[in-house]
Amino acid sequence: MNHKTDQETDSFTELTPREELVAKLNGETAIVAWQEIERFFAKGNLLLVEKDVDLINCAADMSMDNGEEIGKLINEEKIQAMPVEFVKRNCKPETEFWTVVVAPYILAQLK
């Protein structure tokens, strides 16, 4: 019979703080229609995340104040305040976005 000591753990049962955050954020994502998030756009709390950016990892970086990674995404315009032009071109009441909240923002990615 194999008994574990107090210091032994299964490698797949212990998560790093970032992995725990990613799992938590992944569980908090939702697909929502534009009409449900438009009011956050009006308040300036809606951020557009480009499709080639991993939404969950972006949210984790924001939550963990990873300024270097978020700064890079902002400089490359991969994440930005939802542009009015984008809204005019792409957003109808039923347009769907994959979203996650990182207070006070909602990160949204066109589905």
Protein backbone atom coordinates (compact mmCIF):
# COMPACT_ATOMS: atom_id res chain seq x y z
CA MET A 1 0.00 0.00 0.00
CA ASN A 2 1.35 3.37 -1.01
CA HIS A 3 0.85 6.16 1.56
CA LYS A 4 1.64 9.76 0.85
CA THR A 5 3.43 11.98 3.30
CA ASP A 6 2.00 15.39 4.16
CA GLN A 7 4.37 17.05 1.71
CA GLU A 8 3.56 14.91 -1.32
CA THR A 9 0.83 16.02 -3.68
CA ASP A 10 -0.50 14.98 -7.03
CA SER A 11 0.91 17.37 -9.62
CA PHE A 12 -2.49 17.73 -11.25
CA THR A 13 -4.30 18.72 -8.05
CA GLU A 14 -2.23 21.76 -7.11
CA LEU A 15 -2.66 24.83 -9.23
CA THR A 16 -0.56 27.96 -9.27
CA PRO A 17 -2.38 31.16 -8.31
CA ARG A 18 -2.54 32.11 -12.00
CA GLU A 19 -3.97 28.71 -12.96
CA GLU A 20 -6.59 29.08 -10.23
CA LEU A 21 -7.48 32.54 -11.54
CA VAL A 22 -7.68 31.31 -15.14
CA ALA A 23 -10.00 28.49 -14.07
CA LYS A 24 -12.16 30.93 -12.09
CA LEU A 25 -12.34 33.42 -14.97
CA ASN A 26 -13.11 30.67 -17.46
CA GLY A 27 -16.10 29.69 -15.34
CA GLU A 28 -17.28 33.31 -15.31
CA THR A 29 -17.34 33.84 -19.07
CA ALA A 30 -20.59 34.30 -20.90
CA ILE A 31 -21.82 34.78 -24.42
CA VAL A 32 -24.03 37.83 -24.45
CA ALA A 33 -25.80 39.93 -27.06
CA TRP A 34 -24.75 43.50 -27.71
CA GLN A 35 -28.02 44.78 -26.27
CA GLU A 36 -26.99 43.32 -22.89
CA ILE A 37 -23.61 45.08 -22.76
CA GLU A 38 -24.31 48.31 -24.64
CA ARG A 39 -24.88 50.22 -21.38
CA PHE A 40 -21.32 49.38 -20.30
CA PHE A 41 -20.10 50.84 -23.60
CA ALA A 42 -22.00 54.03 -22.77
CA LYS A 43 -20.27 54.17 -19.36
CA GLY A 44 -16.82 53.59 -20.89
CA ASN A 45 -16.38 50.25 -19.11
CA LEU A 46 -16.43 47.97 -22.15
CA LEU A 47 -13.12 46.86 -23.63
CA LEU A 48 -12.76 45.24 -27.02
CA VAL A 49 -10.32 42.32 -27.16
CA GLU A 50 -9.22 41.30 -30.66
CA LYS A 51 -10.04 37.77 -31.80
CA ASP A 52 -6.40 36.67 -31.92
CA VAL A 53 -5.95 37.39 -28.19
CA ASP A 54 -6.83 34.74 -25.60
CA LEU A 55 -9.65 36.42 -23.70
CA ILE A 56 -9.12 34.48 -20.47
CA ASN A 57 -5.37 35.04 -20.34
CA CYS A 58 -5.93 38.73 -21.08
CA ALA A 59 -8.41 38.92 -18.20
CA ALA A 60 -5.95 37.09 -15.93
CA ASP A 61 -3.19 39.55 -16.85
CA MET A 62 -5.51 42.45 -16.01
CA SER A 63 -6.55 40.87 -12.72
CA MET A 64 -2.93 40.24 -11.74
CA ASP A 65 -1.84 43.77 -12.76
CA ASN A 66 0.56 42.40 -15.37
CA GLY A 67 1.27 45.86 -16.77
CA GLU A 68 3.94 44.64 -19.16
CA GLU A 69 1.62 42.25 -21.03
CA ILE A 70 -1.43 44.53 -20.92
CA GLY A 71 0.70 47.49 -22.03
CA LYS A 72 1.92 45.47 -25.01
CA LEU A 73 -1.67 44.59 -25.97
CA ILE A 74 -2.77 48.21 -25.63
CA ASN A 75 0.16 49.46 -27.73
CA GLU A 76 -0.69 46.91 -30.43
CA GLU A 77 -4.40 47.92 -30.19
CA LYS A 78 -5.28 44.30 -29.36
CA ILE A 79 -7.27 45.58 -26.37
CA GLN A 80 -8.90 48.99 -26.28
CA ALA A 81 -11.93 50.91 -25.17
CA MET A 82 -14.74 49.75 -27.47
CA PRO A 83 -14.31 52.03 -30.51
CA VAL A 84 -17.40 53.91 -31.71
CA GLU A 85 -16.53 53.01 -35.32
CA PHE A 86 -16.43 49.31 -34.44
CA VAL A 87 -19.83 49.57 -32.78
CA LYS A 88 -21.34 51.34 -35.79
CA ARG A 89 -19.98 48.71 -38.20
CA ASN A 90 -20.47 45.52 -36.19
CA CYS A 91 -22.99 45.83 -33.40
CA LYS A 92 -26.64 45.02 -33.84
CA PRO A 93 -28.82 44.19 -30.80
CA GLU A 94 -28.32 40.46 -31.41
CA THR A 95 -24.56 40.55 -32.18
CA GLU A 96 -22.87 38.09 -29.80
CA PHE A 97 -19.75 38.64 -27.74
CA TRP A 98 -17.77 36.32 -25.52
CA THR A 99 -17.34 38.29 -22.29
CA VAL A 100 -15.69 38.19 -18.89
CA VAL A 101 -15.76 40.75 -16.09
CA VAL A 102 -12.60 42.20 -14.60
CA ALA A 103 -14.11 44.96 -12.50
CA PRO A 104 -14.71 47.68 -13.34
CA TYR A 105 -14.42 46.50 -16.94
CA ILE A 106 -16.13 43.99 -19.15
CA LEU A 107 -13.80 42.43 -21.68
CA ALA A 108 -15.65 41.57 -24.88
CA GLN A 109 -14.58 39.63 -27.92
CA LEU A 110 -16.72 39.38 -31.05
CA LYS A 111 -17.98 35.81 -31.29
